[in-house]
């Protein structure tokens, strides 16, 4: 049995670190409020002018961008970890353990877990790791188109069948769900589990059916981006600069159009459909622009310190992702936590995210100064390979 790879690409680690931090700006809404509040800032804690500005910034610059980057990097990671050999055993064990950890995370702690989704798709697409770059790209594009058909088409279909009566009934149902969820979350950790598990199961089935093609397509693109040298910062400065400007520019235009459409349409069904249509393509394009900018900065020496900080957070992305849940669960779920669910407005949510970012950017390099892996990365690797992996710096990896 071969040992896991331990050599690192700083550019990939830095991008992963930015992704795991960036997704918290969106996820905090799911920890602090009802799931319906993602696309609608009038839900639960109606946003004032400052809160609306925070929502608009998050929606334009963060929504679906960093989870898109995370998905592409997961695909690249399959190529890195599984290699080109015929033995899929370690990868299969790795995904099955991820599935188990994700299930515990989803059903007991937070319904918005992405690990189950990734583990299932990782088991399916691993064979693509040997494909050529053109084959990966030309398989990914139809999957992304299919994802658009399911996701965006589904939104428009829902809007087409929406009537004032059905909208009123839906609002009444949502209000009941919100009240029950809020009471349970504030009551205590054990009280919140049935609600959390229910949302998790529904979300997993819905996201696998509706967003599975998109995520699979992004993973295949990640494999292609790694094999082409994009993610190892092997392209020229000029190429990355052009892609960064074009990607962020066009992505911003589409994402901002999504924000404007939602606000102008008062977050009603038709506006939600239009907003999601703009965001589907805009988020992918803008994510590619972000990634290009990170690759460019990783090639410029003056940015090496900041890149290394994000790279440390990226090397511990699994630990940082799950520790974000522990922090947010303690804050927003009742005893033994603080039970602040439904009481913290969007401005204070953003402040909380900034604090967590600072903590994780500080603690990650300190931990990795002494240890080879993050604590949960070490657990996952040890489970995958059936024995404890060396964790202290200076210890040899098993042969």
Protein backbone atom coordinates (compact mmCIF):
# COMPACT_ATOMS: atom_id res chain seq x y z
CA UNK A 1 0.00 0.00 0.00
CA UNK A 2 1.52 3.30 -1.03
CA UNK A 3 1.73 6.24 1.32
CA UNK A 4 -0.17 9.46 0.65
CA UNK A 5 1.52 12.19 -1.28
CA UNK A 6 3.02 14.88 0.93
CA UNK A 7 4.68 17.22 -1.59
CA UNK A 8 2.71 20.41 -2.04
CA UNK A 9 1.94 22.96 -4.70
CA UNK A 10 1.77 26.32 -2.95
CA UNK A 11 -0.46 27.78 -5.66
CA UNK A 12 -3.10 25.07 -5.18
CA UNK A 13 -2.89 25.26 -1.39
CA UNK A 14 -3.27 29.05 -1.47
CA UNK A 15 -6.30 28.84 -3.74
CA UNK A 16 -7.82 26.17 -1.51
CA UNK A 17 -7.20 28.34 1.55
CA UNK A 18 -8.92 31.31 -0.08
CA UNK A 19 -11.82 29.04 -1.05
CA UNK A 20 -12.34 27.57 2.42
CA UNK A 21 -12.32 31.03 3.95
CA UNK A 22 -14.48 32.55 1.24
CA UNK A 23 -17.29 30.02 1.55
CA UNK A 24 -17.83 31.04 5.16
CA UNK A 25 -19.11 34.45 4.04
CA UNK A 26 -22.06 32.62 2.49
CA UNK A 27 -22.29 29.72 4.93
CA UNK A 28 -22.61 32.02 7.94
CA UNK A 29 -26.13 32.84 6.74
CA UNK A 30 -27.04 29.15 6.93
CA UNK A 31 -25.64 28.89 10.45
CA UNK A 32 -27.26 32.08 11.72
CA UNK A 33 -30.63 32.02 9.97
CA UNK A 34 -33.15 29.94 8.05
CA UNK A 35 -31.88 28.36 4.80
CA UNK A 36 -34.36 30.55 2.89
CA UNK A 37 -32.32 33.65 3.77
CA UNK A 38 -29.51 32.95 1.28
CA UNK A 39 -31.21 34.57 -1.70
CA UNK A 40 -33.68 36.68 0.25
CA UNK A 41 -32.40 39.19 2.82
CA UNK A 42 -35.96 39.97 3.90
CA UNK A 43 -36.27 36.54 5.55
CA UNK A 44 -36.11 36.17 9.35
CA UNK A 45 -33.92 39.22 10.06
CA UNK A 46 -35.03 41.84 7.58
CA UNK A 47 -31.97 43.74 6.42
CA UNK A 48 -31.65 47.48 7.00
CA UNK A 49 -29.59 49.60 4.60
CA UNK A 50 -26.28 48.35 6.01
CA UNK A 51 -27.50 44.77 6.08
CA UNK A 52 -28.73 45.00 2.50
CA UNK A 53 -25.31 46.31 1.45
CA UNK A 54 -23.61 43.36 3.16
CA UNK A 55 -26.00 40.95 1.46
CA UNK A 56 -25.40 42.58 -1.94
CA UNK A 57 -21.61 42.44 -1.53
CA UNK A 58 -21.75 38.81 -0.44
CA UNK A 59 -24.12 37.85 -3.25
CA UNK A 60 -22.09 39.62 -5.93
CA UNK A 61 -18.57 38.67 -4.87
CA UNK A 62 -18.97 35.46 -2.85
CA UNK A 63 -22.15 33.56 -3.78
CA UNK A 64 -21.26 30.28 -5.53
CA UNK A 65 -17.74 31.55 -6.32
CA UNK A 66 -15.71 29.90 -3.61
CA UNK A 67 -17.68 26.68 -3.57
CA UNK A 68 -17.04 26.57 -7.33
CA UNK A 69 -13.30 26.90 -6.70
CA UNK A 70 -13.54 24.26 -3.98
CA UNK A 71 -15.24 21.87 -6.38
CA UNK A 72 -12.60 22.30 -9.09
CA UNK A 73 -9.84 21.78 -6.55
CA UNK A 74 -11.51 18.59 -5.35
CA UNK A 75 -11.26 17.27 -8.90
CA UNK A 76 -7.62 18.30 -9.11
CA UNK A 77 -7.04 16.59 -5.76
CA UNK A 78 -8.33 13.30 -7.15
CA UNK A 79 -5.62 13.42 -9.83
CA UNK A 80 -2.99 14.34 -7.24
CA UNK A 81 -3.97 11.71 -4.67
CA UNK A 82 -5.19 8.83 -6.83
CA UNK A 83 -2.54 9.20 -9.55
CA UNK A 84 -2.67 7.41 -12.90
CA UNK A 85 -2.23 3.87 -11.59
CA UNK A 86 -4.88 1.13 -11.71
CA UNK A 87 -5.24 0.81 -7.91
CA UNK A 88 -8.30 2.80 -6.83
CA UNK A 89 -8.36 1.20 -3.38
CA UNK A 90 -6.87 4.11 -1.42
CA UNK A 91 -9.10 6.60 -3.23
CA UNK A 92 -12.20 4.51 -2.58
CA UNK A 93 -11.37 4.23 1.13
CA UNK A 94 -10.63 7.94 1.22
CA UNK A 95 -14.04 8.76 -0.26
CA UNK A 96 -15.91 6.31 1.97
CA UNK A 97 -14.36 7.81 5.09
CA UNK A 98 -15.19 11.27 3.76
CA UNK A 99 -18.76 10.10 3.22
CA UNK A 100 -19.00 8.91 6.83
CA UNK A 101 -17.45 12.07 8.25
CA UNK A 102 -19.69 14.17 6.02
CA UNK A 103 -22.79 12.30 7.17
CA UNK A 104 -21.96 12.96 10.82
CA UNK A 105 -21.26 16.59 9.99
CA UNK A 106 -24.49 16.97 8.02
CA UNK A 107 -26.99 15.16 10.23
CA UNK A 108 -25.68 16.08 13.66
CA UNK A 109 -24.00 19.46 13.22
CA UNK A 110 -24.93 21.40 10.07
CA UNK A 111 -27.35 20.70 7.25
CA UNK A 112 -25.26 22.66 4.70
CA UNK A 113 -22.48 20.05 4.55
CA UNK A 114 -20.79 19.59 1.17
CA UNK A 115 -18.64 16.56 2.04
CA UNK A 116 -21.30 13.92 1.33
CA UNK A 117 -21.93 15.47 -2.09
CA UNK A 118 -18.20 15.47 -2.86
CA UNK A 119 -17.60 11.94 -1.61
CA UNK A 120 -20.37 10.45 -3.75
CA UNK A 121 -19.22 12.27 -6.87
CA UNK A 122 -15.61 11.44 -6.08
CA UNK A 123 -16.47 7.75 -6.17
CA UNK A 124 -18.15 8.19 -9.56
CA UNK A 125 -15.69 10.35 -11.51
CA UNK A 126 -12.37 8.88 -10.34
CA UNK A 127 -11.94 7.01 -13.63
CA UNK A 128 -11.70 10.34 -15.45
CA UNK A 129 -8.35 11.09 -13.78
CA UNK A 130 -6.57 9.39 -16.72
CA UNK A 131 -8.38 11.34 -19.41
CA UNK A 132 -6.69 13.93 -21.59
CA UNK A 133 -7.30 17.63 -21.05
CA UNK A 134 -9.54 18.00 -24.17
CA UNK A 135 -11.64 15.00 -23.18
CA UNK A 136 -12.07 16.35 -19.65
CA UNK A 137 -13.10 19.78 -20.91
CA UNK A 138 -15.50 18.49 -23.56
CA UNK A 139 -17.14 16.20 -21.02
CA UNK A 140 -17.35 18.94 -18.38
CA UNK A 141 -19.08 21.49 -20.63
CA UNK A 142 -22.21 19.37 -21.35
CA UNK A 143 -22.45 18.55 -17.64
CA UNK A 144 -22.37 22.25 -16.80
CA UNK A 145 -25.04 22.87 -19.44
CA UNK A 146 -27.16 20.07 -17.97
CA UNK A 147 -26.72 21.62 -14.54
CA UNK A 148 -27.98 24.93 -15.92
CA UNK A 149 -30.99 23.18 -17.42
CA UNK A 150 -31.86 21.54 -14.09
CA UNK A 151 -31.09 24.45 -11.78
CA UNK A 152 -32.03 27.51 -13.81
CA UNK A 153 -34.81 25.74 -15.70
CA UNK A 154 -36.26 24.50 -12.45
CA UNK A 155 -36.36 28.03 -11.06
CA UNK A 156 -38.16 29.36 -14.13
CA UNK A 157 -40.60 26.47 -14.05
CA UNK A 158 -41.36 27.25 -10.42
CA UNK A 159 -41.86 30.92 -11.28
CA UNK A 160 -44.16 30.05 -14.18
CA UNK A 161 -46.50 28.12 -11.89
CA UNK A 162 -46.37 30.67 -9.09
CA UNK A 163 -49.60 32.56 -8.37
CA UNK A 164 -50.45 35.11 -5.66
CA UNK A 165 -52.37 32.37 -3.82
CA UNK A 166 -49.54 29.83 -4.01
CA UNK A 167 -47.00 32.49 -3.04
CA UNK A 168 -49.09 33.36 0.03
CA UNK A 169 -49.39 29.68 0.98
CA UNK A 170 -45.66 29.20 0.53
CA UNK A 171 -44.93 32.26 2.68
CA UNK A 172 -47.21 30.92 5.41
CA UNK A 173 -45.50 27.51 5.29
CA UNK A 174 -42.04 29.11 5.38
CA UNK A 175 -43.04 31.23 8.37
CA UNK A 176 -44.12 28.10 10.22
CA UNK A 177 -40.90 26.30 9.36
CA UNK A 178 -38.86 29.31 10.41
CA UNK A 179 -40.60 29.56 13.78
CA UNK A 180 -40.22 25.86 14.52
CA UNK A 181 -36.59 25.82 13.42
CA UNK A 182 -35.74 28.92 15.44
CA UNK A 183 -37.33 27.56 18.62
CA UNK A 184 -35.54 24.23 18.26
CA UNK A 185 -32.14 25.77 17.52
CA UNK A 186 -32.33 28.12 20.48
CA UNK A 187 -33.53 25.37 22.81
CA UNK A 188 -30.33 23.35 22.62
CA UNK A 189 -28.03 21.13 20.60
CA UNK A 190 -30.10 17.96 20.98
CA UNK A 191 -33.29 19.83 20.08
CA UNK A 192 -31.78 21.12 16.85
CA UNK A 193 -30.68 17.70 15.53
CA UNK A 194 -34.06 16.52 14.11
CA UNK A 195 -34.56 19.81 12.25
CA UNK A 196 -30.97 19.86 11.09
CA UNK A 197 -31.08 16.25 9.89
CA UNK A 198 -34.33 16.87 8.01
CA UNK A 199 -32.91 19.85 6.16
CA UNK A 200 -29.70 17.89 5.49
CA UNK A 201 -31.47 14.91 3.91
CA UNK A 202 -33.68 17.12 1.76
CA UNK A 203 -30.71 19.29 0.75
CA UNK A 204 -28.52 16.32 -0.15
CA UNK A 205 -31.12 14.70 -2.38
CA UNK A 206 -32.06 18.00 -3.99
CA UNK A 207 -28.47 19.15 -4.53
CA UNK A 208 -27.33 15.78 -5.90
CA UNK A 209 -30.15 15.73 -8.45
CA UNK A 210 -30.15 19.42 -9.35
CA UNK A 211 -26.54 20.45 -8.84
CA UNK A 212 -24.76 17.10 -9.25
CA UNK A 213 -24.05 17.65 -12.98
CA UNK A 214 -22.62 21.12 -12.26
CA UNK A 215 -20.38 19.85 -9.46
CA UNK A 216 -19.21 16.87 -11.52
CA UNK A 217 -18.46 19.19 -14.43
CA UNK A 218 -16.46 21.48 -12.17
CA UNK A 219 -14.48 18.54 -10.80
CA UNK A 220 -13.61 17.45 -14.33
CA UNK A 221 -12.55 21.01 -15.14
CA UNK A 222 -10.37 20.92 -12.04
CA UNK A 223 -8.65 17.81 -13.36
CA UNK A 224 -8.11 19.56 -16.70
CA UNK A 225 -6.81 22.74 -15.06
CA UNK A 226 -4.31 20.72 -13.04
CA UNK A 227 -3.14 18.65 -16.01
CA UNK A 228 -2.79 21.75 -18.19
CA UNK A 229 -0.49 23.43 -15.68
CA UNK A 230 -2.98 26.19 -14.78
CA UNK A 231 -3.21 25.24 -11.11
CA UNK A 232 0.53 24.79 -10.69
CA UNK A 233 1.07 28.42 -11.77
CA UNK A 234 2.96 27.20 -14.85
CA UNK A 235 1.38 29.60 -17.31
CA UNK A 236 2.84 33.01 -18.14
CA UNK A 237 2.25 36.16 -16.11
CA UNK A 238 0.53 37.81 -19.06
CA UNK A 239 -1.82 34.89 -19.63
CA UNK A 240 -2.93 34.83 -16.00
CA UNK A 241 -3.31 38.62 -15.95
CA UNK A 242 -5.53 38.63 -19.04
CA UNK A 243 -7.67 35.78 -17.70
CA UNK A 244 -7.96 37.45 -14.30
CA UNK A 245 -9.18 40.72 -15.80
CA UNK A 246 -11.58 39.08 -18.25
CA UNK A 247 -12.90 36.52 -15.76
CA UNK A 248 -13.46 38.89 -12.87
CA UNK A 249 -14.83 41.60 -15.18
CA UNK A 250 -17.40 39.48 -16.99
CA UNK A 251 -18.15 37.49 -13.84
CA UNK A 252 -18.79 40.71 -11.93
CA UNK A 253 -21.10 41.99 -14.65
CA UNK A 254 -23.24 38.84 -14.53
CA UNK A 255 -23.14 38.48 -10.75
CA UNK A 256 -24.05 42.10 -10.20
CA UNK A 257 -26.89 41.66 -12.69
CA UNK A 258 -28.10 38.82 -10.47
CA UNK A 259 -28.01 41.07 -7.41
CA UNK A 260 -29.82 43.87 -9.22
CA UNK A 261 -32.48 41.50 -10.57
CA UNK A 262 -33.24 40.12 -7.12
CA UNK A 263 -33.51 43.55 -5.52
CA UNK A 264 -35.54 45.06 -8.38
CA UNK A 265 -37.93 42.10 -8.31
CA UNK A 266 -38.37 42.25 -4.53
CA UNK A 267 -37.06 38.65 -4.27
CA UNK A 268 -40.23 37.19 -5.75
CA UNK A 269 -40.25 33.96 -7.78
CA UNK A 270 -39.55 35.57 -11.16
CA UNK A 271 -36.71 37.64 -9.72
CA UNK A 272 -35.20 34.56 -8.07
CA UNK A 273 -35.26 32.78 -11.43
CA UNK A 274 -33.60 35.70 -13.21
CA UNK A 275 -31.06 36.08 -10.44
CA UNK A 276 -30.09 32.42 -10.54
CA UNK A 277 -29.79 32.51 -14.32
CA UNK A 278 -27.27 35.35 -14.18
CA UNK A 279 -25.45 33.78 -11.24
CA UNK A 280 -25.07 30.31 -12.75
CA UNK A 281 -22.67 31.41 -15.47
CA UNK A 282 -21.37 34.47 -13.65
CA UNK A 283 -20.15 32.46 -10.68
CA UNK A 284 -18.15 30.05 -12.85
CA UNK A 285 -16.56 32.83 -14.91
CA UNK A 286 -15.76 34.97 -11.87
CA UNK A 287 -14.29 31.97 -10.02
CA UNK A 288 -11.96 31.36 -12.94
CA UNK A 289 -10.96 35.02 -12.80
CA UNK A 290 -10.28 34.75 -9.06
CA UNK A 291 -8.22 31.60 -9.58
CA UNK A 292 -6.22 33.27 -12.35
CA UNK A 293 -5.45 36.20 -10.05
CA UNK A 294 -4.25 33.85 -7.30
CA UNK A 295 -2.02 31.98 -9.75
CA UNK A 296 -0.56 35.29 -10.92
CA UNK A 297 0.11 36.53 -7.39
CA UNK A 298 1.74 33.23 -6.45
CA UNK A 299 4.32 33.89 -9.19
CA UNK A 300 5.22 37.36 -7.85
CA UNK A 301 7.71 37.33 -5.01
CA UNK A 302 6.39 40.39 -3.19
CA UNK A 303 3.16 38.51 -2.47
CA UNK A 304 4.90 35.37 -1.18
CA UNK A 305 4.10 35.99 2.50
CA UNK A 306 0.37 36.46 1.99
CA UNK A 307 0.28 33.51 -0.40
CA UNK A 308 2.00 31.33 2.22
CA UNK A 309 -0.56 32.35 4.85
CA UNK A 310 -3.44 31.31 2.61
CA UNK A 311 -1.51 28.17 1.60
CA UNK A 312 -1.26 27.14 5.25
CA UNK A 313 -5.02 27.59 5.63
CA UNK A 314 -5.45 25.53 2.45
CA UNK A 315 -3.26 22.70 3.69
CA UNK A 316 -5.64 22.51 6.65
CA UNK A 317 -8.82 23.11 4.63
CA UNK A 318 -10.56 20.00 6.00
CA UNK A 319 -9.82 21.04 9.59
CA UNK A 320 -10.69 24.67 8.95
CA UNK A 321 -13.96 23.80 7.19
CA UNK A 322 -15.17 21.56 10.02
CA UNK A 323 -13.89 23.89 12.75
CA UNK A 324 -15.97 26.67 11.19
CA UNK A 325 -19.00 24.48 11.84
CA UNK A 326 -18.00 23.90 15.46
CA UNK A 327 -17.51 27.63 16.05
CA UNK A 328 -20.76 28.62 14.37
CA UNK A 329 -22.74 25.82 16.01
CA UNK A 330 -21.56 26.97 19.42
CA UNK A 331 -22.58 30.54 18.68
CA UNK A 332 -25.95 29.94 17.07
CA UNK A 333 -27.30 26.71 18.62
CA UNK A 334 -28.47 26.60 22.24
CA UNK A 335 -27.04 24.77 25.24
CA UNK A 336 -24.22 24.09 25.55
CA UNK A 337 -23.90 26.89 22.99
CA UNK A 338 -25.05 30.50 23.03
CA UNK A 339 -28.32 29.98 21.13
CA UNK A 340 -28.15 33.17 19.05
CA UNK A 341 -29.93 31.68 16.03
CA UNK A 342 -32.09 34.28 14.31
CA UNK A 343 -30.79 37.19 16.39
CA UNK A 344 -27.50 38.25 14.72
CA UNK A 345 -27.94 40.62 11.78
CA UNK A 346 -25.95 40.47 8.56
CA UNK A 347 -23.49 43.18 9.56
CA UNK A 348 -22.51 41.31 12.71
CA UNK A 349 -22.44 38.05 10.78
CA UNK A 350 -19.84 39.60 8.46
CA UNK A 351 -17.81 40.80 11.45
CA UNK A 352 -17.88 37.27 12.84
CA UNK A 353 -16.61 35.89 9.53
CA UNK A 354 -13.69 38.36 9.58
CA UNK A 355 -12.76 37.20 13.08
CA UNK A 356 -12.80 33.53 12.04
CA UNK A 357 -10.71 34.36 8.97
CA UNK A 358 -8.10 36.05 11.16
CA UNK A 359 -8.01 33.15 13.62
CA UNK A 360 -7.62 30.51 10.91
CA UNK A 361 -4.97 32.50 9.02
CA UNK A 362 -2.99 32.80 12.26
CA UNK A 363 -3.41 29.33 13.69
CA UNK A 364 -2.87 27.36 10.48
CA UNK A 365 0.82 28.34 9.92
CA UNK A 366 1.53 27.98 13.65
CA UNK A 367 0.14 24.44 13.68
CA UNK A 368 1.99 23.49 10.48
CA UNK A 369 5.24 24.81 11.92
CA UNK A 370 5.22 21.77 14.21
CA UNK A 371 3.06 19.24 12.37
CA UNK A 372 3.00 17.78 8.87
CA UNK A 373 -0.80 17.81 8.58
CA UNK A 374 -3.78 19.52 10.12
CA UNK A 375 -5.37 17.45 12.91
CA UNK A 376 -8.38 16.27 10.90
CA UNK A 377 -6.27 15.80 7.75
CA UNK A 378 -4.13 13.46 9.84
CA UNK A 379 -7.20 11.53 11.06
CA UNK A 380 -8.54 11.19 7.50
CA UNK A 381 -5.19 10.02 6.11
CA UNK A 382 -4.68 7.56 8.94
CA UNK A 383 -8.14 6.06 8.45
CA UNK A 384 -7.57 5.85 4.70
CA UNK A 385 -4.26 4.00 4.98
CA UNK A 386 -5.23 1.84 7.93
CA UNK A 387 -2.54 3.06 10.31
CA UNK A 388 -1.44 6.21 12.05
CA UNK A 389 0.52 8.45 9.73
CA UNK A 390 3.54 10.36 11.07
CA UNK A 391 2.33 13.81 12.05
CA UNK A 392 5.30 15.51 13.68
CA UNK A 393 7.72 17.41 11.46
CA UNK A 394 10.89 15.45 10.87
CA UNK A 395 9.25 12.01 11.06
CA UNK A 396 9.48 9.86 7.96
CA UNK A 397 6.43 8.85 5.98
CA UNK A 398 5.77 5.09 5.88
CA UNK A 399 7.18 3.38 2.82
